Amino acid sequence: MFRSRSKEEKAPTGKVTADLSKQPRDPEAPKGRPTPKRSEAQTQRRRAQSTPLDRKEAMRRQREARRTDLAKQREALAGGDERYLPPRDKGPVRRFVRDFVDSRFCIAEFFLPLAVVILVLSMIRIPQLQNIAMLLWLGVIVMIVIDSIGIWFRLKKQLNERFPDEPKRGAVAYGLMRTLQIRRLRLPKPQVKRGERP
């Protein structure tokens, strides 16, 4: 009596499982694999959406992304938008250094135009003009060195006063390199006028 019942139960169960495979799965039934974490599921979805079909498509997308990033950087360098500046120009310390340098008259920014004038004078075959060119060359170099030393000490002092807890590594050298550029050609563009103290 008990045996016949168990046989009867087993038989319909096989039919039911066969029928269930055709029907939609019950949401509460086990699925046979662990549920992925939300972050894993999201990354899989993103990969499925953003994965290009072929290599050419991938390269094209990469070029477009690089082009848009460079365009944003160029706009930021022209306008001073902190979000898209390159890493070497980001942060309040670097901004202060730029403003400190841009607010002053630096002899080093006239180095390139003076070098061209001195070169032209030294090319002329008149010994007196060549002597004047050599003296000018020495004078310009000495003035640039003295001016750079003064900027070095003043900038270092200001940085230590204003940003005692911020990392300042390379900030003074960044400022001195900026002094060597002609003011109009500096990037990021100067945000302060001459004589305006940051």
C-alpha atoms as a PDB file:
ATOM      1  CA  MET A   1       0.000   0.000   0.000  1.00  0.00           C
ATOM      2  CA  PHE A   2       2.751   2.424   0.871  1.00  0.00           C
ATOM      3  CA  ARG A   3       4.838   1.298  -2.051  1.00  0.00           C
ATOM      4  CA  SER A   4       2.175   1.902  -4.608  1.00  0.00           C
ATOM      5  CA  ARG A   5       1.626   5.391  -3.336  1.00  0.00           C
ATOM      6  CA  SER A   6       5.326   6.338  -3.588  1.00  0.00           C
ATOM      7  CA  LYS A   7       5.445   4.935  -7.117  1.00  0.00           C
ATOM      8  CA  GLU A   8       2.381   6.940  -8.018  1.00  0.00           C
ATOM      9  CA  GLU A   9       3.949  10.118  -6.599  1.00  0.00           C
ATOM     10  CA  LYS A  10       7.197   9.611  -8.438  1.00  0.00           C
ATOM     11  CA  ALA A  11       5.597   9.153 -11.793  1.00  0.00           C
ATOM     12  CA  PRO A  12       3.678  12.457 -11.934  1.00  0.00           C
ATOM     13  CA  THR A  13       6.696  14.370 -10.597  1.00  0.00           C
ATOM     14  CA  GLY A  14       8.686  13.490 -13.695  1.00  0.00           C
ATOM     15  CA  LYS A  15       5.873  14.790 -15.842  1.00  0.00           C
ATOM     16  CA  VAL A  16       5.627  17.973 -13.831  1.00  0.00           C
ATOM     17  CA  THR A  17       9.374  18.729 -14.184  1.00  0.00           C
ATOM     18  CA  ALA A  18       9.145  18.153 -17.896  1.00  0.00           C
ATOM     19  CA  ASP A  19       6.192  20.517 -18.073  1.00  0.00           C
ATOM     20  CA  LEU A  20       7.934  23.133 -15.898  1.00  0.00           C
ATOM     21  CA  SER A  21      10.889  23.413 -18.255  1.00  0.00           C
ATOM     22  CA  LYS A  22       8.500  24.712 -20.878  1.00  0.00           C
ATOM     23  CA  GLN A  23       6.734  27.084 -18.454  1.00  0.00           C
ATOM     24  CA  PRO A  24       8.354  30.251 -16.995  1.00  0.00           C
ATOM     25  CA  ARG A  25      10.415  29.606 -13.876  1.00  0.00           C
ATOM     26  CA  ASP A  26       8.935  30.437 -10.489  1.00  0.00           C
ATOM     27  CA  PRO A  27      10.812  33.458  -9.022  1.00  0.00           C
ATOM     28  CA  GLU A  28      11.168  31.755  -5.644  1.00  0.00           C
ATOM     29  CA  ALA A  29      12.614  28.523  -7.061  1.00  0.00           C
ATOM     30  CA  PRO A  30      16.412  28.045  -6.843  1.00  0.00           C
ATOM     31  CA  LYS A  31      18.262  28.944 -10.053  1.00  0.00           C
ATOM     32  CA  GLY A  32      21.364  26.812  -9.578  1.00  0.00           C
ATOM     33  CA  ARG A  33      23.934  29.663  -9.315  1.00  0.00           C
ATOM     34  CA  PRO A  34      24.738  32.405  -6.789  1.00  0.00           C
ATOM     35  CA  THR A  35      23.240  35.851  -7.287  1.00  0.00           C
ATOM     36  CA  PRO A  36      25.928  38.310  -8.486  1.00  0.00           C
ATOM     37  CA  LYS A  37      26.671  41.399  -6.419  1.00  0.00           C
ATOM     38  CA  ARG A  38      25.150  44.651  -7.607  1.00  0.00           C
ATOM     39  CA  SER A  39      28.537  46.120  -8.578  1.00  0.00           C
ATOM     40  CA  GLU A  40      29.403  43.028 -10.631  1.00  0.00           C
ATOM     41  CA  ALA A  41      26.020  43.111 -12.380  1.00  0.00           C
ATOM     42  CA  GLN A  42      26.434  46.812 -13.195  1.00  0.00           C
ATOM     43  CA  THR A  43      29.930  46.337 -14.615  1.00  0.00           C
ATOM     44  CA  GLN A  44      28.688  43.437 -16.744  1.00  0.00           C
ATOM     45  CA  ARG A  45      25.841  45.605 -18.034  1.00  0.00           C
ATOM     46  CA  ARG A  46      28.222  48.481 -18.811  1.00  0.00           C
ATOM     47  CA  ARG A  47      30.602  46.140 -20.602  1.00  0.00           C
ATOM     48  CA  ALA A  48      27.760  44.739 -22.676  1.00  0.00           C
ATOM     49  CA  GLN A  49      26.656  48.271 -23.650  1.00  0.00           C
ATOM     50  CA  SER A  50      30.061  49.852 -24.216  1.00  0.00           C
ATOM     51  CA  THR A  51      31.986  46.913 -25.665  1.00  0.00           C
ATOM     52  CA  PRO A  52      32.522  47.721 -29.327  1.00  0.00           C
ATOM     53  CA  LEU A  53      31.805  45.120 -31.950  1.00  0.00           C
ATOM     54  CA  ASP A  54      35.211  45.281 -33.620  1.00  0.00           C
ATOM     55  CA  ARG A  55      38.692  46.664 -33.113  1.00  0.00           C
ATOM     56  CA  LYS A  56      38.259  49.609 -35.494  1.00  0.00           C
ATOM     57  CA  GLU A  57      35.202  50.753 -33.554  1.00  0.00           C
ATOM     58  CA  ALA A  58      37.165  50.504 -30.283  1.00  0.00           C
ATOM     59  CA  MET A  59      40.013  52.607 -31.690  1.00  0.00           C
ATOM     60  CA  ARG A  60      37.568  55.188 -33.048  1.00  0.00           C
ATOM     61  CA  ARG A  61      35.859  55.525 -29.662  1.00  0.00           C
ATOM     62  CA  GLN A  62      39.204  55.827 -27.909  1.00  0.00           C
ATOM     63  CA  ARG A  63      40.334  58.583 -30.312  1.00  0.00           C
ATOM     64  CA  GLU A  64      37.081  60.484 -29.804  1.00  0.00           C
ATOM     65  CA  ALA A  65      37.383  60.237 -26.005  1.00  0.00           C
ATOM     66  CA  ARG A  66      40.996  61.467 -26.146  1.00  0.00           C
ATOM     67  CA  ARG A  67      39.991  64.330 -28.460  1.00  0.00           C
ATOM     68  CA  THR A  68      37.189  65.486 -26.147  1.00  0.00           C
ATOM     69  CA  ASP A  69      39.519  65.292 -23.120  1.00  0.00           C
ATOM     70  CA  LEU A  70      42.150  67.394 -24.906  1.00  0.00           C
ATOM     71  CA  ALA A  71      39.529  69.934 -25.979  1.00  0.00           C
ATOM     72  CA  LYS A  72      38.325  70.263 -22.385  1.00  0.00           C
ATOM     73  CA  GLN A  73      41.929  70.672 -21.224  1.00  0.00           C
ATOM     74  CA  ARG A  74      42.559  73.403 -23.804  1.00  0.00           C
ATOM     75  CA  GLU A  75      39.440  75.276 -22.725  1.00  0.00           C
ATOM     76  CA  ALA A  76      40.457  74.905 -19.076  1.00  0.00           C
ATOM     77  CA  LEU A  77      43.969  76.209 -19.812  1.00  0.00           C
ATOM     78  CA  ALA A  78      42.478  79.221 -21.569  1.00  0.00           C
ATOM     79  CA  GLY A  79      39.789  79.920 -18.965  1.00  0.00           C
ATOM     80  CA  GLY A  80      41.355  78.550 -15.778  1.00  0.00           C
ATOM     81  CA  ASP A  81      38.655  75.942 -15.031  1.00  0.00           C
ATOM     82  CA  GLU A  82      40.175  73.776 -12.260  1.00  0.00           C
ATOM     83  CA  ARG A  83      38.169  70.641 -13.103  1.00  0.00           C
ATOM     84  CA  TYR A  84      39.801  69.940 -16.458  1.00  0.00           C
ATOM     85  CA  LEU A  85      43.326  71.266 -15.870  1.00  0.00           C
ATOM     86  CA  PRO A  86      46.209  68.804 -16.241  1.00  0.00           C
ATOM     87  CA  PRO A  87      47.458  67.321 -12.922  1.00  0.00           C
ATOM     88  CA  ARG A  88      50.567  69.560 -12.828  1.00  0.00           C
ATOM     89  CA  ASP A  89      48.366  72.714 -12.814  1.00  0.00           C
ATOM     90  CA  LYS A  90      45.662  71.561 -10.380  1.00  0.00           C
ATOM     91  CA  GLY A  91      45.159  72.598  -6.790  1.00  0.00           C
ATOM     92  CA  PRO A  92      45.123  75.762  -4.683  1.00  0.00           C
ATOM     93  CA  VAL A  93      48.927  75.786  -4.246  1.00  0.00           C
ATOM     94  CA  ARG A  94      49.611  75.800  -7.992  1.00  0.00           C
ATOM     95  CA  ARG A  95      46.900  78.419  -8.526  1.00  0.00           C
ATOM     96  CA  PHE A  96      48.513  80.680  -5.922  1.00  0.00           C
ATOM     97  CA  VAL A  97      51.954  80.178  -7.523  1.00  0.00           C
ATOM     98  CA  ARG A  98      50.548  81.168 -10.932  1.00  0.00           C
ATOM     99  CA  ASP A  99      48.877  84.268  -9.494  1.00  0.00           C
ATOM    100  CA  PHE A 100      52.043  85.180  -7.543  1.00  0.00           C
ATOM    101  CA  VAL A 101      54.188  85.007 -10.693  1.00  0.00           C
ATOM    102  CA  ASP A 102      51.620  86.670 -12.980  1.00  0.00           C
ATOM    103  CA  SER A 103      51.183  89.645 -10.640  1.00  0.00           C
ATOM    104  CA  ARG A 104      54.897  90.547 -10.829  1.00  0.00           C
ATOM    105  CA  PHE A 105      57.215  91.977 -13.430  1.00  0.00           C
ATOM    106  CA  CYS A 106      59.882  89.292 -14.089  1.00  0.00           C
ATOM    107  CA  ILE A 107      63.051  89.841 -16.073  1.00  0.00           C
ATOM    108  CA  ALA A 108      63.109  86.163 -17.104  1.00  0.00           C
ATOM    109  CA  GLU A 109      59.996  86.548 -19.280  1.00  0.00           C
ATOM    110  CA  PHE A 110      61.975  88.845 -21.619  1.00  0.00           C
ATOM    111  CA  PHE A 111      64.787  86.314 -21.965  1.00  0.00           C
ATOM    112  CA  LEU A 112      63.749  85.012 -25.401  1.00  0.00           C
ATOM    113  CA  PRO A 113      63.239  88.417 -27.079  1.00  0.00           C
ATOM    114  CA  LEU A 114      66.507  89.703 -25.576  1.00  0.00           C
ATOM    115  CA  ALA A 115      68.314  86.545 -26.710  1.00  0.00           C
ATOM    116  CA  VAL A 116      67.166  87.183 -30.296  1.00  0.00           C
ATOM    117  CA  VAL A 117      68.388  90.815 -30.148  1.00  0.00           C
ATOM    118  CA  ILE A 118      71.746  89.748 -28.681  1.00  0.00           C
ATOM    119  CA  LEU A 119      72.127  87.048 -31.335  1.00  0.00           C
ATOM    120  CA  VAL A 120      71.488  89.564 -34.131  1.00  0.00           C
ATOM    121  CA  LEU A 121      74.005  92.004 -32.599  1.00  0.00           C
ATOM    122  CA  SER A 122      76.642  89.290 -32.299  1.00  0.00           C
ATOM    123  CA  MET A 123      76.186  88.308 -35.976  1.00  0.00           C
ATOM    124  CA  ILE A 124      77.174  91.796 -37.178  1.00  0.00           C
ATOM    125  CA  ARG A 125      80.897  91.880 -37.963  1.00  0.00           C
ATOM    126  CA  ILE A 126      81.622  95.082 -36.033  1.00  0.00           C
ATOM    127  CA  PRO A 127      83.817  94.298 -32.995  1.00  0.00           C
ATOM    128  CA  GLN A 128      82.266  97.043 -30.842  1.00  0.00           C
ATOM    129  CA  LEU A 129      78.733  95.700 -31.407  1.00  0.00           C
ATOM    130  CA  GLN A 130      79.907  92.160 -30.650  1.00  0.00           C
ATOM    131  CA  ASN A 131      81.424  93.375 -27.358  1.00  0.00           C
ATOM    132  CA  ILE A 132      78.156  95.143 -26.483  1.00  0.00           C
ATOM    133  CA  ALA A 133      76.246  91.925 -27.295  1.00  0.00           C
ATOM    134  CA  MET A 134      78.500  89.903 -24.977  1.00  0.00           C
ATOM    135  CA  LEU A 135      78.091  92.442 -22.154  1.00  0.00           C
ATOM    136  CA  LEU A 136      74.317  92.465 -22.688  1.00  0.00           C
ATOM    137  CA  TRP A 137      74.270  88.658 -22.610  1.00  0.00           C
ATOM    138  CA  LEU A 138      76.171  88.566 -19.303  1.00  0.00           C
ATOM    139  CA  GLY A 139      74.033  91.339 -17.831  1.00  0.00           C
ATOM    140  CA  VAL A 140      70.764  89.617 -18.769  1.00  0.00           C
ATOM    141  CA  ILE A 141      71.886  86.299 -17.274  1.00  0.00           C
ATOM    142  CA  VAL A 142      73.023  87.927 -14.021  1.00  0.00           C
ATOM    143  CA  MET A 143      69.750  89.892 -13.708  1.00  0.00           C
ATOM    144  CA  ILE A 144      67.657  86.767 -14.378  1.00  0.00           C
ATOM    145  CA  VAL A 145      69.578  84.784 -11.743  1.00  0.00           C
ATOM    146  CA  ILE A 146      69.205  87.554  -9.119  1.00  0.00           C
ATOM    147  CA  ASP A 147      65.502  88.019  -9.917  1.00  0.00           C
ATOM    148  CA  SER A 148      64.879  84.248  -9.787  1.00  0.00           C
ATOM    149  CA  ILE A 149      66.603  83.941  -6.394  1.00  0.00           C
ATOM    150  CA  GLY A 150      64.428  86.771  -5.042  1.00  0.00           C
ATOM    151  CA  ILE A 151      61.245  85.147  -6.398  1.00  0.00           C
ATOM    152  CA  TRP A 152      62.381  81.782  -4.975  1.00  0.00           C
ATOM    153  CA  PHE A 153      62.701  83.115  -1.407  1.00  0.00           C
ATOM    154  CA  ARG A 154      59.543  85.279  -1.486  1.00  0.00           C
ATOM    155  CA  LEU A 155      57.412  82.533  -3.016  1.00  0.00           C
ATOM    156  CA  LYS A 156      58.678  79.911  -0.571  1.00  0.00           C
ATOM    157  CA  LYS A 157      57.894  82.207   2.364  1.00  0.00           C
ATOM    158  CA  GLN A 158      54.382  82.978   1.073  1.00  0.00           C
ATOM    159  CA  LEU A 159      53.640  79.289   0.467  1.00  0.00           C
ATOM    160  CA  ASN A 160      54.747  78.322   3.978  1.00  0.00           C
ATOM    161  CA  GLU A 161      52.534  81.057   5.466  1.00  0.00           C
ATOM    162  CA  ARG A 162      49.425  80.396   3.366  1.00  0.00           C
ATOM    163  CA  PHE A 163      49.550  76.616   2.940  1.00  0.00           C
ATOM    164  CA  PRO A 164      51.310  75.143   5.992  1.00  0.00           C
ATOM    165  CA  ASP A 165      49.617  71.723   5.723  1.00  0.00           C
ATOM    166  CA  GLU A 166      49.384  71.362   1.924  1.00  0.00           C
ATOM    167  CA  PRO A 167      52.054  69.462  -0.055  1.00  0.00           C
ATOM    168  CA  LYS A 168      54.237  72.052  -1.829  1.00  0.00           C
ATOM    169  CA  ARG A 169      56.706  69.791  -3.610  1.00  0.00           C
ATOM    170  CA  GLY A 170      57.795  71.296  -6.940  1.00  0.00           C
ATOM    171  CA  ALA A 171      55.638  74.416  -6.542  1.00  0.00           C
ATOM    172  CA  VAL A 172      58.541  76.907  -6.482  1.00  0.00           C
ATOM    173  CA  ALA A 173      60.193  75.299  -9.527  1.00  0.00           C
ATOM    174  CA  TYR A 174      56.790  75.423 -11.262  1.00  0.00           C
ATOM    175  CA  GLY A 175      56.673  79.173 -10.577  1.00  0.00           C
ATOM    176  CA  LEU A 176      60.213  79.763 -11.842  1.00  0.00           C
ATOM    177  CA  MET A 177      59.464  77.877 -15.064  1.00  0.00           C
ATOM    178  CA  ARG A 178      56.413  80.085 -15.503  1.00  0.00           C
ATOM    179  CA  THR A 179      58.562  83.234 -15.216  1.00  0.00           C
ATOM    180  CA  LEU A 180      60.529  82.112 -18.286  1.00  0.00           C
ATOM    181  CA  GLN A 181      57.400  82.209 -20.466  1.00  0.00           C
ATOM    182  CA  ILE A 182      56.171  85.396 -22.122  1.00  0.00           C
ATOM    183  CA  ARG A 183      53.084  86.540 -20.212  1.00  0.00           C
ATOM    184  CA  ARG A 184      50.723  86.362 -23.221  1.00  0.00           C
ATOM    185  CA  LEU A 185      51.809  82.803 -24.042  1.00  0.00           C
ATOM    186  CA  ARG A 186      51.468  81.400 -20.504  1.00  0.00           C
ATOM    187  CA  LEU A 187      49.109  78.487 -19.987  1.00  0.00           C
ATOM    188  CA  PRO A 188      46.885  78.462 -17.972  1.00  0.00           C
ATOM    189  CA  LYS A 189      46.195  82.077 -18.906  1.00  0.00           C
ATOM    190  CA  PRO A 190      47.008  84.687 -16.229  1.00  0.00           C
ATOM    191  CA  GLN A 191      43.985  85.407 -14.016  1.00  0.00           C
ATOM    192  CA  VAL A 192      45.448  88.501 -12.279  1.00  0.00           C
ATOM    193  CA  LYS A 193      46.811  91.792 -13.582  1.00  0.00           C
ATOM    194  CA  ARG A 194      50.303  93.076 -12.924  1.00  0.00           C
ATOM    195  CA  GLY A 195      50.566  94.714  -9.520  1.00  0.00           C
ATOM    196  CA  GLU A 196      47.475  92.861  -8.241  1.00  0.00           C
ATOM    197  CA  ARG A 197      48.541  90.791  -5.252  1.00  0.00           C
ATOM    198  CA  PRO A 198      47.023  87.286  -4.944  1.00  0.00           C
END
